[in-house]
């Protein structure tokens, strides 16, 4: 998949400006940015949780219950 170039982003931005207007566009951008940050934080938390369970499994395999 090829990322859009500068011209394509300019066209996308122009169309978005026409659709939502100059007052709504910054709010929309902020909402999208906040959603991406929340998603990134949530996925980072998931990775940490998986690492924690993996280390727990390693410890159990070292010391099996009899």
C-alpha atoms as a PDB file:
ATOM      1  CA  UNK A   1       0.000   0.000   0.000  1.00  0.00           C
ATOM      2  CA  UNK A   2       1.364   3.366  -1.009  1.00  0.00           C
ATOM      3  CA  UNK A   3       0.913   6.355   1.282  1.00  0.00           C
ATOM      4  CA  UNK A   4      -0.649   9.452  -0.278  1.00  0.00           C
ATOM      5  CA  UNK A   5       1.762  12.161  -1.303  1.00  0.00           C
ATOM      6  CA  UNK A   6       1.614  15.868  -0.468  1.00  0.00           C
ATOM      7  CA  UNK A   7      -0.800  16.688  -3.285  1.00  0.00           C
ATOM      8  CA  UNK A   8      -3.228  13.951  -2.241  1.00  0.00           C
ATOM      9  CA  UNK A   9      -3.138  15.122   1.404  1.00  0.00           C
ATOM     10  CA  UNK A  10      -3.779  18.674   0.224  1.00  0.00           C
ATOM     11  CA  UNK A  11      -6.833  17.523  -1.735  1.00  0.00           C
ATOM     12  CA  UNK A  12      -8.105  15.463   1.211  1.00  0.00           C
ATOM     13  CA  UNK A  13      -7.647  18.471   3.516  1.00  0.00           C
ATOM     14  CA  UNK A  14      -9.463  20.753   1.077  1.00  0.00           C
ATOM     15  CA  UNK A  15     -12.408  18.387   0.787  1.00  0.00           C
ATOM     16  CA  UNK A  16     -12.572  18.009   4.578  1.00  0.00           C
ATOM     17  CA  UNK A  17     -12.514  21.808   4.914  1.00  0.00           C
ATOM     18  CA  UNK A  18     -15.406  22.106   2.469  1.00  0.00           C
ATOM     19  CA  UNK A  19     -17.438  19.417   4.235  1.00  0.00           C
ATOM     20  CA  UNK A  20     -16.958  20.377   7.887  1.00  0.00           C
ATOM     21  CA  UNK A  21     -15.924  24.034   7.649  1.00  0.00           C
ATOM     22  CA  UNK A  22     -13.086  25.912   9.336  1.00  0.00           C
ATOM     23  CA  UNK A  23     -14.710  25.956  12.798  1.00  0.00           C
ATOM     24  CA  UNK A  24     -15.485  22.242  13.052  1.00  0.00           C
ATOM     25  CA  UNK A  25     -12.263  20.930  11.505  1.00  0.00           C
ATOM     26  CA  UNK A  26      -9.947  21.656  14.495  1.00  0.00           C
ATOM     27  CA  UNK A  27     -12.450  19.974  16.835  1.00  0.00           C
ATOM     28  CA  UNK A  28     -12.576  16.950  14.548  1.00  0.00           C
ATOM     29  CA  UNK A  29      -8.770  16.779  14.388  1.00  0.00           C
ATOM     30  CA  UNK A  30      -8.538  16.995  18.172  1.00  0.00           C
ATOM     31  CA  UNK A  31     -11.089  14.210  18.586  1.00  0.00           C
ATOM     32  CA  UNK A  32      -9.219  11.970  16.147  1.00  0.00           C
ATOM     33  CA  UNK A  33      -5.901  12.698  17.894  1.00  0.00           C
ATOM     34  CA  UNK A  34      -7.413  11.911  21.293  1.00  0.00           C
ATOM     35  CA  UNK A  35      -8.874   8.650  19.984  1.00  0.00           C
ATOM     36  CA  UNK A  36      -5.490   7.633  18.541  1.00  0.00           C
ATOM     37  CA  UNK A  37      -3.729   8.441  21.839  1.00  0.00           C
ATOM     38  CA  UNK A  38      -6.298   6.392  23.768  1.00  0.00           C
ATOM     39  CA  UNK A  39      -5.875   3.491  21.352  1.00  0.00           C
ATOM     40  CA  UNK A  40      -2.084   3.667  21.636  1.00  0.00           C
ATOM     41  CA  UNK A  41      -2.290   3.765  25.446  1.00  0.00           C
ATOM     42  CA  UNK A  42      -4.715   0.845  25.501  1.00  0.00           C
ATOM     43  CA  UNK A  43      -2.561  -1.292  23.215  1.00  0.00           C
ATOM     44  CA  UNK A  44       0.559  -0.444  25.232  1.00  0.00           C
ATOM     45  CA  UNK A  45      -1.284  -1.566  28.381  1.00  0.00           C
ATOM     46  CA  UNK A  46      -2.242  -4.813  26.659  1.00  0.00           C
ATOM     47  CA  UNK A  47       1.385  -5.476  25.728  1.00  0.00           C
ATOM     48  CA  UNK A  48       2.460  -4.881  29.334  1.00  0.00           C
ATOM     49  CA  UNK A  49      -0.250  -7.204  30.612  1.00  0.00           C
ATOM     50  CA  UNK A  50       0.815  -9.930  28.182  1.00  0.00           C
ATOM     51  CA  UNK A  51       4.440  -9.565  29.269  1.00  0.00           C
ATOM     52  CA  UNK A  52       3.354  -9.885  32.879  1.00  0.00           C
ATOM     53  CA  UNK A  53       1.444 -13.095  32.223  1.00  0.00           C
ATOM     54  CA  UNK A  54       4.333 -14.518  30.206  1.00  0.00           C
ATOM     55  CA  UNK A  55       6.784 -13.913  33.043  1.00  0.00           C
ATOM     56  CA  UNK A  56       4.292 -15.471  35.441  1.00  0.00           C
ATOM     57  CA  UNK A  57       4.067 -18.554  33.228  1.00  0.00           C
ATOM     58  CA  UNK A  58       7.867 -18.757  33.120  1.00  0.00           C
ATOM     59  CA  UNK A  59       8.062 -18.708  36.906  1.00  0.00           C
ATOM     60  CA  UNK A  60       5.421 -21.438  37.171  1.00  0.00           C
ATOM     61  CA  UNK A  61       7.290 -23.632  34.708  1.00  0.00           C
ATOM     62  CA  UNK A  62      10.481 -23.231  36.755  1.00  0.00           C
ATOM     63  CA  UNK A  63       8.697 -24.252  39.973  1.00  0.00           C
ATOM     64  CA  UNK A  64       5.870 -26.655  39.103  1.00  0.00           C
ATOM     65  CA  UNK A  65       3.378 -27.497  41.806  1.00  0.00           C
ATOM     66  CA  UNK A  66       3.606 -31.060  43.061  1.00  0.00           C
END
